[in-house]
Protein backbone atom coordinates (compact mmCIF):
# COMPACT_ATOMS: atom_id res chain seq x y z
CA UNK A 1 35.80 251.10 176.75
CA UNK A 2 39.37 251.11 175.41
CA UNK A 3 39.74 254.86 175.95
CA UNK A 4 38.06 254.58 179.36
CA UNK A 5 40.60 252.00 180.54
CA UNK A 6 43.53 254.01 179.16
CA UNK A 7 42.24 257.12 180.95
CA UNK A 8 41.95 255.09 184.16
CA UNK A 9 45.60 254.09 183.79
CA UNK A 10 46.54 257.77 183.42
CA UNK A 11 44.61 258.59 186.60
CA UNK A 12 46.51 255.85 188.41
CA UNK A 13 49.77 257.46 187.30
CA UNK A 14 48.46 260.82 188.58
CA UNK A 15 47.77 259.30 192.00
CA UNK A 16 51.26 257.79 192.05
CA UNK A 17 52.68 261.22 191.22
CA UNK A 18 50.86 262.71 194.23
CA UNK A 19 52.33 260.01 196.47
CA UNK A 20 55.83 260.73 195.13
CA UNK A 21 55.37 264.46 195.73
CA UNK A 22 54.44 263.71 199.35
CA UNK A 23 57.66 261.70 199.78
CA UNK A 24 59.71 264.56 198.34
CA UNK A 25 58.10 267.13 200.64
CA UNK A 26 58.18 265.12 203.85
CA UNK A 27 61.32 262.97 203.46
CA UNK A 28 60.85 261.00 206.71
CA UNK A 29 64.27 259.30 206.53
CA UNK A 30 66.18 262.54 206.08
CA UNK A 31 66.19 263.19 209.84
CA UNK A 32 68.16 261.42 212.51
CA UNK A 33 66.41 258.03 212.36
CA UNK A 34 66.37 255.42 209.64
CA UNK A 35 63.84 253.03 208.17
CA UNK A 36 64.24 250.50 211.00
CA UNK A 37 63.34 253.14 213.58
CA UNK A 38 60.25 254.12 211.57
CA UNK A 39 59.26 250.46 211.32
CA UNK A 40 59.51 250.14 215.11
CA UNK A 41 57.15 253.12 215.46
CA UNK A 42 54.45 251.18 213.62
CA UNK A 43 55.41 247.80 215.10
CA UNK A 44 56.22 248.46 218.77
CA UNK A 45 55.36 244.86 219.77
CA UNK A 46 57.88 243.31 217.38
CA UNK A 47 55.43 241.34 215.20
CA UNK A 48 57.73 241.84 212.17
CA UNK A 49 54.82 243.25 210.16
CA UNK A 50 52.43 246.22 210.24
CA UNK A 51 48.64 246.03 210.26
CA UNK A 52 46.02 248.61 209.32
CA UNK A 53 45.20 248.89 213.02
CA UNK A 54 48.82 249.92 213.69
CA UNK A 55 48.47 252.69 211.11
CA UNK A 56 45.20 253.75 212.74
CA UNK A 57 46.92 253.96 216.12
CA UNK A 58 49.57 256.32 214.70
CA UNK A 59 46.89 258.53 213.10
CA UNK A 60 44.91 258.66 216.35
CA UNK A 61 48.07 259.59 218.25
CA UNK A 62 48.50 262.69 216.08
CA UNK A 63 44.76 263.32 215.57
CA UNK A 64 45.11 263.00 211.81
CA UNK A 65 41.79 263.25 209.91
CA UNK A 66 42.33 259.89 208.20
CA UNK A 67 39.51 257.36 207.95
CA UNK A 68 40.01 253.70 208.74
CA UNK A 69 38.67 252.86 205.27
CA UNK A 70 41.52 254.78 203.62
CA UNK A 71 44.08 252.96 205.80
CA UNK A 72 42.53 249.63 204.78
CA UNK A 73 42.80 250.78 201.17
CA UNK A 74 46.48 251.61 201.73
CA UNK A 75 47.26 248.10 202.99
CA UNK A 76 45.30 246.66 200.05
CA UNK A 77 47.24 248.86 197.61
CA UNK A 78 50.53 247.68 199.08
CA UNK A 79 49.40 244.09 198.54
CA UNK A 80 48.56 244.86 194.90
CA UNK A 81 51.91 246.57 194.21
CA UNK A 82 53.85 243.74 195.84
CA UNK A 83 52.24 240.94 193.87
CA UNK A 84 51.52 237.44 195.11
CA UNK A 85 48.77 236.57 197.62
CA UNK A 86 46.93 239.31 199.51
CA UNK A 87 48.24 239.18 203.09
CA UNK A 88 46.67 242.28 204.66
CA UNK A 89 50.07 243.17 206.13
CA UNK A 90 52.88 245.63 205.45
CA UNK A 91 56.37 244.18 205.69
CA UNK A 92 59.64 246.02 206.28
CA UNK A 93 60.38 246.24 202.56
CA UNK A 94 56.78 247.37 201.87
CA UNK A 95 57.25 250.27 204.29
CA UNK A 96 60.47 251.15 202.48
CA UNK A 97 58.62 251.45 199.17
CA UNK A 98 56.16 253.82 200.87
CA UNK A 99 58.97 255.96 202.27
CA UNK A 100 61.72 256.06 199.61
CA UNK A 101 61.20 257.89 196.27
CA UNK A 102 60.46 255.61 193.36
CA UNK A 103 63.62 256.68 191.48
CA UNK A 104 65.97 256.08 194.44
CA UNK A 105 68.40 253.18 194.69
CA UNK A 106 66.84 252.22 198.03
CA UNK A 107 63.41 251.82 196.43
CA UNK A 108 64.80 249.59 193.68
CA UNK A 109 66.73 247.47 196.19
CA UNK A 110 63.67 246.98 198.40
CA UNK A 111 61.42 246.20 195.42
CA UNK A 112 63.84 243.54 194.17
CA UNK A 113 64.29 241.92 197.61
CA UNK A 114 62.37 238.70 198.22
CA UNK A 115 62.58 238.79 202.04
CA UNK A 116 62.93 241.42 204.75
CA UNK A 117 66.30 239.95 205.77
CA UNK A 118 67.60 240.43 202.22
CA UNK A 119 66.21 243.98 202.16
CA UNK A 120 68.03 244.87 205.40
CA UNK A 121 71.29 243.42 204.06
CA UNK A 122 71.02 245.42 200.84
CA UNK A 123 70.18 248.63 202.75
CA UNK A 124 73.20 248.06 204.98
CA UNK A 125 75.44 247.78 201.92
CA UNK A 126 73.96 250.92 200.39
CA UNK A 127 74.34 253.01 203.54
CA UNK A 128 77.66 251.81 204.97
CA UNK A 129 79.79 250.81 201.98
CA UNK A 130 81.27 252.66 199.01
CA UNK A 131 81.28 251.07 195.51
CA UNK A 132 84.51 250.77 193.59
CA UNK A 133 84.25 253.16 190.61
CA UNK A 134 85.68 250.52 188.28
CA UNK A 135 84.38 247.05 189.23
CA UNK A 136 81.52 248.02 191.59
CA UNK A 137 82.70 245.96 194.57
CA UNK A 138 81.49 247.59 197.78
CA UNK A 139 84.07 248.52 200.42
CA UNK A 140 83.92 249.92 203.98
CA UNK A 141 86.58 251.03 206.43
CA UNK A 142 87.21 249.28 209.75
CA UNK A 143 88.03 252.62 211.44
CA UNK A 144 87.76 256.34 210.82
CA UNK A 145 90.58 257.78 208.69
CA UNK A 146 89.58 261.29 207.64
CA UNK A 147 93.19 262.34 207.16
CA UNK A 148 93.80 259.52 204.67
CA UNK A 149 90.55 258.38 203.06
CA UNK A 150 92.20 256.55 200.14
CA UNK A 151 91.60 252.80 199.86
CA UNK A 152 92.41 250.16 197.24
CA UNK A 153 89.78 247.84 195.81
CA UNK A 154 90.37 244.37 197.31
CA UNK A 155 89.50 242.65 194.03
CA UNK A 156 92.77 241.20 192.64
CA UNK A 157 91.85 241.93 189.04
CA UNK A 158 90.92 245.56 189.82
CA UNK A 159 93.14 247.12 192.55
CA UNK A 160 91.68 250.57 191.78
CA UNK A 161 92.44 253.31 194.36
CA UNK A 162 89.53 255.52 195.44
CA UNK A 163 88.25 257.46 198.42
CA UNK A 164 86.07 255.78 201.08
CA UNK A 165 84.81 257.51 204.23
CA UNK A 166 82.21 254.95 205.35
CA UNK A 167 83.02 252.97 208.49
CA UNK A 168 81.47 249.56 209.12
CA UNK A 169 79.10 248.82 211.99
CA UNK A 170 77.54 245.64 213.41
CA UNK A 171 74.06 246.03 211.93
CA UNK A 172 71.67 248.40 210.18
CA UNK A 173 70.05 249.71 213.38
CA UNK A 174 72.15 252.37 215.09
CA UNK A 175 70.13 252.40 218.33
CA UNK A 176 68.49 255.79 217.72
CA UNK A 177 64.73 255.88 218.20
CA UNK A 178 62.31 257.98 216.24
CA UNK A 179 61.83 261.45 217.69
CA UNK A 180 58.37 263.08 218.01
CA UNK A 181 59.08 265.06 214.84
CA UNK A 182 59.89 261.82 212.98
CA UNK A 183 56.65 260.22 214.19
CA UNK A 184 54.64 263.26 213.10
CA UNK A 185 56.29 263.27 209.66
CA UNK A 186 55.61 259.56 209.28
CA UNK A 187 51.96 260.14 210.21
CA UNK A 188 51.63 262.82 207.51
CA UNK A 189 53.19 260.50 204.94
CA UNK A 190 50.86 257.63 205.91
CA UNK A 191 47.84 259.98 205.70
CA UNK A 192 48.89 261.19 202.23
CA UNK A 193 49.49 257.62 201.00
CA UNK A 194 46.13 256.51 202.44
CA UNK A 195 44.25 259.27 200.59
CA UNK A 196 45.96 258.29 197.36
CA UNK A 197 45.16 254.59 197.91
CA UNK A 198 41.51 255.38 198.63
CA UNK A 199 41.27 257.39 195.39
CA UNK A 200 42.79 254.48 193.46
CA UNK A 201 40.29 252.05 194.98
CA UNK A 202 37.35 254.33 194.21
CA UNK A 203 38.57 254.69 190.62
CA UNK A 204 38.67 250.88 190.23
CA UNK A 205 35.14 250.73 191.61
CA UNK A 206 33.88 253.34 189.14
CA UNK A 207 35.62 251.51 186.31
CA UNK A 208 34.00 248.20 187.34
CA UNK A 209 30.56 249.84 187.25
CA UNK A 210 30.99 250.96 183.61
CA UNK A 211 28.66 249.13 181.18
CA UNK A 212 30.52 246.37 179.37
CA UNK A 213 33.48 246.23 181.75
CA UNK A 214 34.41 242.61 182.51
CA UNK A 215 37.24 240.10 182.25
CA UNK A 216 36.79 239.66 178.50
CA UNK A 217 36.94 243.41 177.97
CA UNK A 218 40.24 243.62 179.80
CA UNK A 219 41.56 240.77 177.66
CA UNK A 220 40.55 242.63 174.51
CA UNK A 221 42.23 245.85 175.69
CA UNK A 222 45.38 243.93 176.60
CA UNK A 223 45.43 242.28 173.18
CA UNK A 224 45.04 245.68 171.50
CA UNK A 225 47.91 247.27 173.43
CA UNK A 226 50.21 244.27 172.98
CA UNK A 227 49.24 243.84 169.29
CA UNK A 228 48.34 240.21 170.00
CA UNK A 229 51.53 239.39 171.88
CA UNK A 230 51.62 237.72 175.32
CA UNK A 231 53.25 240.77 176.97
CA UNK A 232 53.21 244.55 176.68
CA UNK A 233 56.39 246.53 176.14
CA UNK A 234 56.96 250.17 177.01
CA UNK A 235 56.94 251.20 173.33
CA UNK A 236 53.65 249.38 172.71
CA UNK A 237 52.09 251.12 175.73
CA UNK A 238 53.19 254.55 174.50
CA UNK A 239 51.89 253.80 171.01
CA UNK A 240 48.45 252.79 172.34
CA UNK A 241 48.01 256.15 174.06
CA UNK A 242 49.17 257.93 170.90
CA UNK A 243 46.75 256.00 168.66
CA UNK A 244 43.77 256.66 170.94
CA UNK A 245 44.70 260.34 171.41
CA UNK A 246 44.80 260.00 175.19
CA UNK A 247 47.16 262.69 176.54
CA UNK A 248 49.90 261.34 178.80
CA UNK A 249 53.24 262.79 179.86
CA UNK A 250 56.56 260.97 179.97
CA UNK A 251 56.56 261.14 183.77
CA UNK A 252 53.12 259.52 183.87
CA UNK A 253 54.26 256.81 181.46
CA UNK A 254 57.27 256.14 183.67
CA UNK A 255 55.12 255.88 186.81
CA UNK A 256 52.64 253.69 184.91
CA UNK A 257 55.44 251.33 183.91
CA UNK A 258 56.71 251.18 187.49
CA UNK A 259 53.21 250.12 188.59
CA UNK A 260 52.40 247.57 185.90
CA UNK A 261 55.85 246.02 185.39
CA UNK A 262 57.02 244.34 188.63
CA UNK A 263 60.66 244.75 187.54
CA UNK A 264 62.10 247.30 185.16
CA UNK A 265 63.67 244.69 182.88
CA UNK A 266 60.41 242.74 182.49
CA UNK A 267 57.37 243.35 180.35
CA UNK A 268 53.74 243.47 181.49
CA UNK A 269 51.82 240.20 181.45
CA UNK A 270 48.04 239.92 181.45
CA UNK A 271 48.10 238.90 185.14
CA UNK A 272 49.93 242.13 186.05
CA UNK A 273 47.57 244.14 183.87
CA UNK A 274 44.48 242.53 185.40
CA UNK A 275 45.73 242.92 188.97
CA UNK A 276 46.05 246.70 188.69
CA UNK A 277 42.63 247.30 187.08
CA UNK A 278 40.39 244.66 188.62
CA UNK A 279 38.12 245.78 191.46
CA UNK A 280 38.17 243.42 194.44
CA UNK A 281 35.60 244.57 197.01
CA UNK A 282 37.36 245.01 200.33
CA UNK A 283 36.19 245.58 203.89
CA UNK A 284 35.03 249.18 204.30
CA UNK A 285 33.70 250.16 207.74
CA UNK A 286 31.90 253.22 206.37
CA UNK A 287 29.49 250.85 204.58
CA UNK A 288 28.71 248.86 207.77
CA UNK A 289 25.69 249.71 209.87
CA UNK A 290 24.71 246.38 211.48
CA UNK A 291 25.92 247.07 215.02
CA UNK A 292 22.95 245.39 216.70
CA UNK A 293 22.97 243.17 219.75
CA UNK A 294 23.27 239.91 217.78
CA UNK A 295 26.33 241.15 215.89
CA UNK A 296 28.13 242.31 219.02
CA UNK A 297 27.21 239.14 220.92
CA UNK A 298 28.44 236.81 218.18
CA UNK A 299 31.78 238.58 217.73
CA UNK A 300 32.31 238.85 221.49
CA UNK A 301 31.67 235.11 221.68
CA UNK A 302 34.29 234.56 218.99
CA UNK A 303 36.86 236.47 221.07
CA UNK A 304 35.87 234.58 224.25
CA UNK A 305 36.45 231.33 222.35
CA UNK A 306 40.02 232.47 221.84
CA UNK A 307 40.35 233.10 225.59
CA UNK A 308 39.14 229.55 226.34
CA UNK A 309 41.51 228.15 223.72
CA UNK A 310 44.35 230.06 225.37
CA UNK A 311 43.49 228.44 228.73
CA UNK A 312 43.44 225.02 227.07
CA UNK A 313 46.85 225.65 225.48
CA UNK A 314 48.29 226.73 228.83
CA UNK A 315 46.96 223.51 230.37
CA UNK A 316 49.05 221.44 227.95
CA UNK A 317 52.14 222.73 229.72
CA UNK A 318 51.04 220.70 232.78
CA UNK A 319 51.59 217.38 231.00
CA UNK A 320 54.57 215.17 231.94
CA UNK A 321 57.67 216.35 230.10
CA UNK A 322 59.06 213.98 227.48
CA UNK A 323 56.30 211.40 227.81
CA UNK A 324 55.47 209.89 224.38
CA UNK A 325 51.92 209.94 223.09
CA UNK A 326 51.45 206.11 223.07
CA UNK A 327 52.40 205.93 226.77
CA UNK A 328 49.80 208.55 227.70
CA UNK A 329 47.25 206.84 225.48
CA UNK A 330 47.84 203.42 227.08
CA UNK A 331 47.44 204.98 230.51
CA UNK A 332 43.85 205.82 229.66
CA UNK A 333 43.31 202.66 227.60
CA UNK A 334 44.74 199.86 229.79
CA UNK A 335 42.65 197.16 228.06
CA UNK A 336 43.91 198.01 224.58
CA UNK A 337 40.61 198.93 222.90
CA UNK A 338 42.47 201.18 220.46
CA UNK A 339 40.35 204.23 221.31
CA UNK A 340 39.36 206.33 224.33
CA UNK A 341 35.81 206.86 225.57
CA UNK A 342 34.42 209.55 227.85
CA UNK A 343 34.25 206.91 230.61
CA UNK A 344 38.05 206.40 230.38
CA UNK A 345 38.65 210.09 231.10
CA UNK A 346 35.97 209.99 233.80
CA UNK A 347 37.79 207.08 235.49
CA UNK A 348 41.00 209.15 235.65
CA UNK A 349 39.05 212.02 237.22
CA UNK A 350 37.55 209.65 239.79
CA UNK A 351 40.96 208.14 240.61
CA UNK A 352 42.15 211.57 241.78
CA UNK A 353 38.78 212.69 243.14
CA UNK A 354 38.65 215.59 240.72
CA UNK A 355 35.87 218.15 240.53
CA UNK A 356 35.30 217.90 236.75
CA UNK A 357 31.75 216.95 235.78
CA UNK A 358 30.96 214.15 233.35
CA UNK A 359 29.27 216.74 231.11
CA UNK A 360 32.51 218.72 230.82
CA UNK A 361 34.38 215.54 229.82
CA UNK A 362 31.80 214.89 227.08
CA UNK A 363 32.10 218.54 225.95
CA UNK A 364 35.89 218.16 225.76
CA UNK A 365 35.64 215.14 223.45
CA UNK A 366 33.13 216.94 221.23
CA UNK A 367 35.32 220.04 221.15
CA UNK A 368 38.33 218.03 219.98
CA UNK A 369 36.33 216.43 217.16
CA UNK A 370 34.92 219.84 216.23
CA UNK A 371 38.45 220.98 215.36
CA UNK A 372 38.87 218.15 212.84
CA UNK A 373 38.24 218.62 209.12
CA UNK A 374 34.95 217.72 207.47
CA UNK A 375 36.51 214.86 205.51
CA UNK A 376 37.93 213.13 208.61
CA UNK A 377 35.84 210.33 210.12
CA UNK A 378 34.78 210.91 213.75
CA UNK A 379 33.02 208.57 216.15
CA UNK A 380 30.94 210.50 218.69
CA UNK A 381 31.91 209.83 222.28
CA UNK A 382 35.33 208.30 221.58
CA UNK A 383 38.77 209.48 220.53
CA UNK A 384 41.39 207.82 218.36
CA UNK A 385 45.06 208.20 219.17
CA UNK A 386 45.51 210.94 216.56
CA UNK A 387 42.52 212.84 218.03
CA UNK A 388 44.03 212.37 221.49
CA UNK A 389 47.19 214.00 220.08
CA UNK A 390 45.21 217.23 219.53
CA UNK A 391 44.48 217.18 223.27
CA UNK A 392 48.17 216.72 224.14
CA UNK A 393 50.26 218.65 221.62
CA UNK A 394 50.29 222.49 221.43
CA UNK A 395 48.46 224.08 218.50
CA UNK A 396 50.80 224.71 215.60
CA UNK A 397 53.52 222.35 216.85
CA UNK A 398 55.00 219.85 214.36
CA UNK A 399 53.53 216.97 216.38
CA UNK A 400 50.07 218.57 216.30
CA UNK A 401 50.26 219.05 212.53
CA UNK A 402 51.27 215.40 212.06
CA UNK A 403 48.44 213.98 214.16
CA UNK A 404 45.93 216.43 212.68
CA UNK A 405 46.79 215.51 209.09
CA UNK A 406 47.10 211.73 209.67
CA UNK A 407 44.31 209.57 208.26
CA UNK A 408 44.93 206.65 210.65
CA UNK A 409 46.56 205.96 214.01
CA UNK A 410 49.19 203.79 212.32
CA UNK A 411 50.23 206.70 210.10
CA UNK A 412 50.28 209.08 213.09
CA UNK A 413 52.52 206.74 215.12
CA UNK A 414 54.87 206.25 212.15
CA UNK A 415 55.16 210.00 211.56
CA UNK A 416 55.76 210.67 215.28
CA UNK A 417 58.42 207.95 215.39
CA UNK A 418 60.23 209.56 212.46
CA UNK A 419 60.07 212.98 214.10
CA UNK A 420 61.44 211.71 217.42
CA UNK A 421 64.05 209.23 216.15
CA UNK A 422 65.44 210.74 212.95
CA UNK A 423 66.89 214.00 211.67
CA UNK A 424 65.63 215.74 208.55
CA UNK A 425 67.94 216.53 205.63
CA UNK A 426 68.38 220.35 205.58
CA UNK A 427 68.12 220.47 201.78
CA UNK A 428 64.65 222.03 201.14
CA UNK A 429 64.33 220.08 197.88
CA UNK A 430 64.98 216.77 199.64
CA UNK A 431 63.73 216.54 203.25
CA UNK A 432 64.39 212.80 203.65
CA UNK A 433 64.74 211.69 207.29
CA UNK A 434 67.89 209.88 208.44
CA UNK A 435 68.98 208.01 211.59
CA UNK A 436 72.28 206.39 212.60
CA UNK A 437 72.75 202.65 213.07
CA UNK A 438 75.09 203.23 216.04
CA UNK A 439 76.17 206.00 218.38
CA UNK A 440 78.91 208.24 217.02
CA UNK A 441 79.11 211.33 219.18
CA UNK A 442 82.72 211.91 218.13
CA UNK A 443 81.73 212.30 214.45
CA UNK A 444 78.00 213.11 214.15
CA UNK A 445 78.17 214.16 210.48
CA UNK A 446 76.27 212.01 207.96
CA UNK A 447 75.54 212.23 204.25
CA UNK A 448 71.98 212.23 202.93
CA UNK A 449 71.46 208.97 201.01
CA UNK A 450 69.24 210.74 198.46
CA UNK A 451 70.85 214.11 197.68
CA UNK A 452 74.31 213.56 199.30
CA UNK A 453 74.01 216.72 201.47
CA UNK A 454 76.25 216.51 204.58
CA UNK A 455 74.63 217.41 207.94
CA UNK A 456 74.74 216.51 211.64
CA UNK A 457 72.67 213.53 212.83
CA UNK A 458 72.66 212.27 216.43
CA UNK A 459 69.54 210.05 216.35
CA UNK A 460 70.29 206.31 216.60
CA UNK A 461 68.02 203.52 215.34
CA UNK A 462 66.45 201.50 218.13
CA UNK A 463 67.15 204.21 220.70
CA UNK A 464 65.71 203.11 224.06
CA UNK A 465 65.53 206.59 225.53
CA UNK A 466 61.88 206.11 226.42
CA UNK A 467 62.70 202.90 228.33
CA UNK A 468 65.60 204.52 230.18
CA UNK A 469 63.35 207.43 231.07
CA UNK A 470 60.92 205.05 232.73
CA UNK A 471 57.94 205.54 230.40
CA UNK A 472 57.82 202.01 228.92
CA UNK A 473 59.36 198.65 229.75
CA UNK A 474 60.75 196.20 227.19
CA UNK A 475 57.29 194.77 226.43
CA UNK A 476 55.72 198.17 225.83
CA UNK A 477 53.66 198.20 229.04
CA UNK A 478 53.02 201.56 230.59
CA UNK A 479 54.87 202.61 233.70
CA UNK A 480 53.49 206.10 234.31
CA UNK A 481 54.14 207.11 237.88
CA UNK A 482 51.44 208.44 240.18
CA UNK A 483 52.90 211.96 239.85
CA UNK A 484 52.83 211.74 236.03
CA UNK A 485 49.22 210.47 236.09
CA UNK A 486 48.30 213.37 238.36
CA UNK A 487 49.86 215.83 235.89
CA UNK A 488 47.84 214.22 233.12
CA UNK A 489 44.68 214.56 235.24
CA UNK A 490 45.33 218.26 235.91
CA UNK A 491 45.81 218.96 232.20
CA UNK A 492 42.64 217.08 231.23
CA UNK A 493 40.61 218.77 233.99
CA UNK A 494 41.71 222.22 232.79
CA UNK A 495 40.83 221.44 229.17
CA UNK A 496 37.49 219.95 230.20
CA UNK A 497 36.67 223.15 232.07
CA UNK A 498 37.59 225.25 229.01
CA UNK A 499 35.41 223.05 226.75
CA UNK A 500 32.51 223.34 229.20
CA UNK A 501 32.77 227.15 229.16
CA UNK A 502 32.80 227.13 225.35
CA UNK A 503 29.61 225.08 225.23
CA UNK A 504 27.89 227.27 227.83
CA UNK A 505 28.82 230.32 225.77
CA UNK A 506 27.24 228.77 222.67
CA UNK A 507 24.07 227.95 224.62
CA UNK A 508 23.82 231.50 225.97
CA UNK A 509 24.24 232.82 222.45
CA UNK A 510 21.55 230.44 221.17
CA UNK A 511 19.01 231.84 223.63
CA UNK A 512 19.20 235.34 222.18
CA UNK A 513 16.11 236.48 220.34
CA UNK A 514 16.48 236.04 216.61
CA UNK A 515 19.56 233.84 216.86
CA UNK A 516 19.17 231.37 214.01
CA UNK A 517 20.86 230.50 210.74
CA UNK A 518 19.59 233.76 209.23
CA UNK A 519 21.05 235.81 212.07
CA UNK A 520 24.42 234.09 211.69
CA UNK A 521 24.28 234.70 207.96
CA UNK A 522 23.81 238.43 208.59
CA UNK A 523 26.83 238.50 210.91
CA UNK A 524 28.91 236.55 208.39
CA UNK A 525 27.92 238.95 205.58
CA UNK A 526 28.87 241.89 207.78
CA UNK A 527 32.39 240.51 208.26
CA UNK A 528 32.78 239.24 204.68
CA UNK A 529 31.11 242.30 203.10
CA UNK A 530 28.85 240.16 200.93
CA UNK A 531 31.60 237.81 199.75
CA UNK A 532 31.50 234.02 200.16
CA UNK A 533 34.37 234.04 202.67
CA UNK A 534 36.37 236.40 204.87
CA UNK A 535 40.06 236.69 205.68
CA UNK A 536 41.89 237.33 208.93
CA UNK A 537 42.31 240.97 207.91
CA UNK A 538 38.53 241.28 207.47
CA UNK A 539 37.94 239.90 210.97
CA UNK A 540 40.56 242.19 212.49
CA UNK A 541 39.04 245.27 210.84
CA UNK A 542 35.55 244.28 211.97
CA UNK A 543 36.64 243.94 215.61
CA UNK A 544 38.49 247.25 215.40
CA UNK A 545 35.44 248.98 213.92
CA UNK A 546 33.19 247.63 216.71
CA UNK A 547 35.79 248.48 219.40
CA UNK A 548 36.07 244.84 220.50
CA UNK A 549 39.55 244.31 221.95
CA UNK A 550 41.50 241.27 220.77
CA UNK A 551 45.24 240.63 220.93
CA UNK A 552 47.22 239.13 218.07
CA UNK A 553 47.39 235.85 220.00
CA UNK A 554 43.60 235.88 220.32
CA UNK A 555 43.25 236.40 216.58
CA UNK A 556 45.76 233.65 215.87
CA UNK A 557 43.81 231.19 218.07
CA UNK A 558 40.52 232.26 216.48
CA UNK A 559 41.95 231.61 213.03
CA UNK A 560 43.27 228.18 214.00
CA UNK A 561 39.78 227.32 215.25
CA UNK A 562 37.77 228.64 212.31
CA UNK A 563 40.28 227.70 209.58
CA UNK A 564 41.76 224.49 211.02
CA UNK A 565 43.24 223.29 207.72
CA UNK A 566 45.41 226.38 207.31
CA UNK A 567 43.05 228.01 204.82
CA UNK A 568 43.47 231.70 204.04
CA UNK A 569 39.72 232.32 204.28
CA UNK A 570 36.74 231.14 206.36
CA UNK A 571 33.53 230.08 204.63
CA UNK A 572 30.01 230.21 206.09
CA UNK A 573 29.89 226.46 206.96
CA UNK A 574 33.18 226.83 208.90
CA UNK A 575 31.81 229.90 210.66
CA UNK A 576 28.46 228.44 211.72
CA UNK A 577 30.02 225.12 212.76
CA UNK A 578 31.97 226.76 215.59
CA UNK A 579 29.01 228.77 216.90
CA UNK A 580 26.20 226.20 217.00
CA UNK A 581 25.64 224.39 220.31
CA UNK A 582 27.09 220.91 220.04
CA UNK A 583 24.15 219.10 221.60
CA UNK A 584 21.32 221.37 220.47
CA UNK A 585 19.96 222.80 217.25
CA UNK A 586 20.02 226.50 216.59
CA UNK A 587 17.76 228.22 218.99
CA UNK A 588 17.69 225.20 221.30
CA UNK A 589 17.97 225.56 225.04
C-alpha cells in the first residue's frame, strides 16, 4: 500500500504538469485583457465568485466537449488546493491560480493572499510598479517620461537611482473587455483544467477502492515518510521515493510539494496529506438516472417555495417605515396577552375588510413556526414577539438574526434595543456596544470603555425618537395611525397569501402517486448522492442537470428555508420538514 500511495502522488504530479503545460501553450493573460476581464467573462452578473454552472455556460458558448461532471471536479479540485472549508465556488484569486503558471510571481502572490481585495492590490503592485533593485520598495511614475526614465528610491536610507517606466493608474481594471479570442482561449484552458481535475478525482476513487486503504493506512504512510515526525519535509519526501524505488523526476517532486505544502516555507502536516489523497464522493450527474415524475415535481416545488418566499420578502417593504417591533406587536395585542393568535390577525383583516381567508392566516402562523429551529419551543396557533419579528424583518437582516436566535421575548427586546440605541465598537476582538449620556453632535467621537478604541457614536441614552415620531406616547401606549395600520394589513395579507400558496403546493405534491417518506428519501439521495446531507452546490448542480431554472436569489432563499440555522448542509429531517403538508400526514389529502 505504501508504494501504491507514492505512485498515486506521482500521478497527481503528472496531472499538475499537464495543467501547467496547458497554461504555457494558451497563456490567456498574454493578450489585451487581464485577469479581471477574464473573471468578468465567467461572472457577468457580478456575484464576486464563479460557479460550475458559469463554467458550463462558457463551454456551451464555444461548444467545447466538456462534461458537467469534469467541471464539478474542477471546482472541487480548486477547493482542495485552496484549503479550508469546501465552498463550491471559485474566487478571483482561485481563477488566478488556474491561469498563471505555478512558478510565476503572480501565482505566488495570489496563493498567499487571504482575500480577493488583497489579491487585487498585490496584482496592481506587480503590474504597475517597479521594485527598487536595492531595498525592494515599489515605485511608479505619476506621468510618462520616456526621455528621462531615471527615478530615485523614496526610502531615505536607500536613495538608489534606477529606471522606472511604469505609470500609475486608478485601479487594476483598465476598462478593456475580453475579446472573442480571449473568451475562446479561456474556454480551452478551463476544458484542459477540467479534464485534469476529473483524472485526479478518478485516481482518488481508484485509490480508495484498493484493499486495505483507510484512514489508518494513510497515517502509517505519513509516519513512514516523516520518520515519526509531525510534519514532512522536502528531503524526507525525496528519500521516501528513493527508498521505495518509485521513479520520480525533480519537476514532479517540485509540483508535488506545491500541491501538498500550502506555502513554500512550510512543511506538510497530516491534514494537508490527508486532504490531497482522501476520496470525498461528490455530485456527478453522469451517475444520476432518477429523472422520474416524483423527482421533477419535488424539485420544482422547492423552486416554487423560493418564489413564494420572494413574494413574502417583497411584502415586508409595505410595512410602516421606522416603526419599532413592540409598537406593531401591541397594535395586534391591545389587551397585553404577550402573544398573538390567529384571531388577532383575523381581526385586523376584518377591520379593513380584507379578502384574506382565515385558513391563509393559520397557514401563515404555521409557516413562521416552520422556519424556527427544532430546539425552539413553539405553541401552535400563536406567535411570540420574537416569532412575530420573523414576519416583520427581512431575511438575513441583523434584526431578523437577533429575533431568530433569541430564546425569549425579553432577550429579543433587549437585543433590539441595543441595536437601535447604541453603536458597536469597530474592534473585531471587542464588539462592545456604547451609547452617549447626552447629545454631542459637535464632537461625536467616544472611546470604547473595554478596549479603548476611538470611534464615532451618535446614539444617546434615553433617546425619545420613537415618541417624537408618533409611534408611542410616554406611557408606552400604541399610537399607530390608520394609514400605518393599513400598511401593516397589506403586508400581512400578502404574506398570508404566500403561505397559503406554499401549503397548497405541498398538498398537490402529497397527492402524487407514490409520494411518501420513501419517495422523499429517493429524491434526497439523488441530490446528496448517497450521503447523509447535501450542500448548496449539490442542489445547484442537480437543478442544472434537470434543466430546472433557478436564479441565485431563488437558491439563496431556498437555502435560508432548508438550512435556517446557517448550516452548510441540509439533512434529511430538514428536507422532509419543509415538504410535508402542515396539517396532513404524508399522502394525506
